[in-house]
Protein backbone atom coordinates (compact mmCIF):
# COMPACT_ATOMS: atom_id res chain seq x y z
CA UNK A 1 -143.46 -53.67 -55.79
CA UNK A 2 -146.60 -54.00 -53.67
CA UNK A 3 -148.78 -56.85 -53.60
CA UNK A 4 -151.44 -54.68 -55.33
CA UNK A 5 -149.20 -53.86 -58.25
CA UNK A 6 -148.32 -57.78 -58.88
CA UNK A 7 -152.00 -58.85 -58.35
CA UNK A 8 -152.79 -56.28 -61.22
CA UNK A 9 -150.07 -57.61 -63.62
CA UNK A 10 -151.52 -61.33 -62.65
CA UNK A 11 -154.93 -60.07 -63.78
CA UNK A 12 -153.86 -58.32 -66.65
CA UNK A 13 -152.38 -61.58 -67.56
CA UNK A 14 -155.36 -63.80 -66.64
CA UNK A 15 -157.23 -61.22 -68.95
CA UNK A 16 -155.13 -61.72 -72.15
CA UNK A 17 -156.03 -65.19 -71.65
CA UNK A 18 -159.27 -65.23 -71.44
CA UNK A 19 -158.89 -62.93 -74.70
CA UNK A 20 -156.95 -65.13 -76.14
CA UNK A 21 -159.16 -68.32 -75.85
CA UNK A 22 -162.04 -65.87 -77.22
CA UNK A 23 -164.06 -65.66 -73.91
CA UNK A 24 -165.02 -62.64 -72.48
CA UNK A 25 -165.24 -61.51 -68.96
CA UNK A 26 -166.99 -58.18 -68.54
CA UNK A 27 -166.46 -57.77 -64.89
CA UNK A 28 -162.78 -57.33 -65.76
CA UNK A 29 -161.31 -54.16 -67.02
CA UNK A 30 -160.50 -53.39 -70.58
CA UNK A 31 -156.36 -52.67 -70.16
CA UNK A 32 -153.82 -52.40 -72.62
CA UNK A 33 -151.08 -54.93 -71.46
CA UNK A 34 -148.88 -52.55 -72.74
CA UNK A 35 -149.67 -49.70 -70.67
CA UNK A 36 -149.64 -51.89 -68.00
CA UNK A 37 -146.28 -53.02 -68.15
CA UNK A 38 -145.05 -49.98 -68.96
CA UNK A 39 -146.86 -48.67 -65.74
CA UNK A 40 -144.92 -51.54 -63.83
CA UNK A 41 -141.63 -50.91 -64.84
CA UNK A 42 -141.84 -47.23 -65.01
CA UNK A 43 -143.10 -47.94 -60.83
CA UNK A 44 -139.96 -50.19 -60.63
CA UNK A 45 -137.92 -47.31 -62.13
CA UNK A 46 -139.30 -44.50 -59.49
CA UNK A 47 -138.60 -46.77 -56.62
CA UNK A 48 -134.80 -47.10 -57.37
CA UNK A 49 -134.65 -44.05 -58.01
CA UNK A 50 -135.71 -42.75 -55.01
CA UNK A 51 -134.02 -45.15 -53.00
CA UNK A 52 -130.83 -44.13 -54.45
CA UNK A 53 -131.50 -40.29 -53.62
CA UNK A 54 -132.43 -41.03 -50.13
CA UNK A 55 -129.22 -43.12 -49.74
CA UNK A 56 -127.12 -40.40 -51.44
CA UNK A 57 -129.03 -37.53 -49.07
CA UNK A 58 -128.06 -39.87 -46.00
CA UNK A 59 -124.17 -40.49 -47.02
CA UNK A 60 -124.31 -36.51 -47.39
CA UNK A 61 -125.79 -35.94 -43.75
CA UNK A 62 -128.76 -34.48 -44.93
CA UNK A 63 -131.00 -34.46 -41.37
CA UNK A 64 -133.96 -36.40 -40.63
CA UNK A 65 -133.01 -39.45 -42.49
CA UNK A 66 -132.12 -42.70 -40.58
CA UNK A 67 -130.12 -45.29 -41.56
CA UNK A 68 -133.00 -48.02 -41.28
CA UNK A 69 -135.14 -45.89 -43.50
CA UNK A 70 -132.59 -46.27 -46.18
CA UNK A 71 -131.83 -49.84 -45.84
CA UNK A 72 -135.84 -50.62 -46.00
CA UNK A 73 -136.27 -48.53 -49.02
CA UNK A 74 -132.94 -49.84 -50.84
CA UNK A 75 -134.29 -53.58 -49.98
CA UNK A 76 -137.92 -52.65 -51.60
CA UNK A 77 -136.29 -51.62 -54.58
CA UNK A 78 -134.05 -54.61 -54.77
CA UNK A 79 -137.24 -57.01 -54.84
CA UNK A 80 -139.36 -54.87 -56.94
CA UNK A 81 -135.86 -55.35 -59.43
CA UNK A 82 -136.26 -58.99 -58.86
CA UNK A 83 -140.17 -59.36 -59.35
CA UNK A 84 -139.79 -57.42 -62.17
CA UNK A 85 -137.00 -59.82 -63.84
CA UNK A 86 -139.18 -63.00 -62.84
CA UNK A 87 -142.40 -61.46 -64.62
CA UNK A 88 -140.14 -61.12 -67.38
CA UNK A 89 -138.50 -64.73 -67.43
CA UNK A 90 -142.33 -66.09 -67.38
CA UNK A 91 -143.33 -63.89 -70.29
CA UNK A 92 -140.14 -64.79 -72.35
CA UNK A 93 -140.77 -68.76 -71.30
CA UNK A 94 -144.33 -68.42 -72.27
CA UNK A 95 -143.73 -66.73 -75.45
CA UNK A 96 -141.23 -69.29 -76.32
CA UNK A 97 -143.24 -71.86 -75.46
CA UNK A 98 -146.13 -70.58 -77.78
CA UNK A 99 -143.82 -70.12 -80.90
CA UNK A 100 -142.46 -74.09 -80.17
CA UNK A 101 -146.34 -75.31 -80.42
CA UNK A 102 -147.28 -76.91 -83.76
CA UNK A 103 -150.33 -75.99 -85.43
């Protein structure tokens, strides 16, 4: 996942935090958190699918596909998956912490 996508997720989390605290931020885009997360997950999935397809094409001997390109795409796919897992873990931790708060 690219830096811009990570920034987008962080910006969405900040916007959600502002909305939860009752403050308004007029300069921030009003986007649905669920839609943003779905788009990020779809991007991770498409990156993995493209990397697998390119690796399979390389294995089959398709011309024009270089090993270094395959390796870079597989690493991008792996890093984007790890980032998605870390975002999930942070969200679960935040949810757990909020649920354990006493009113």
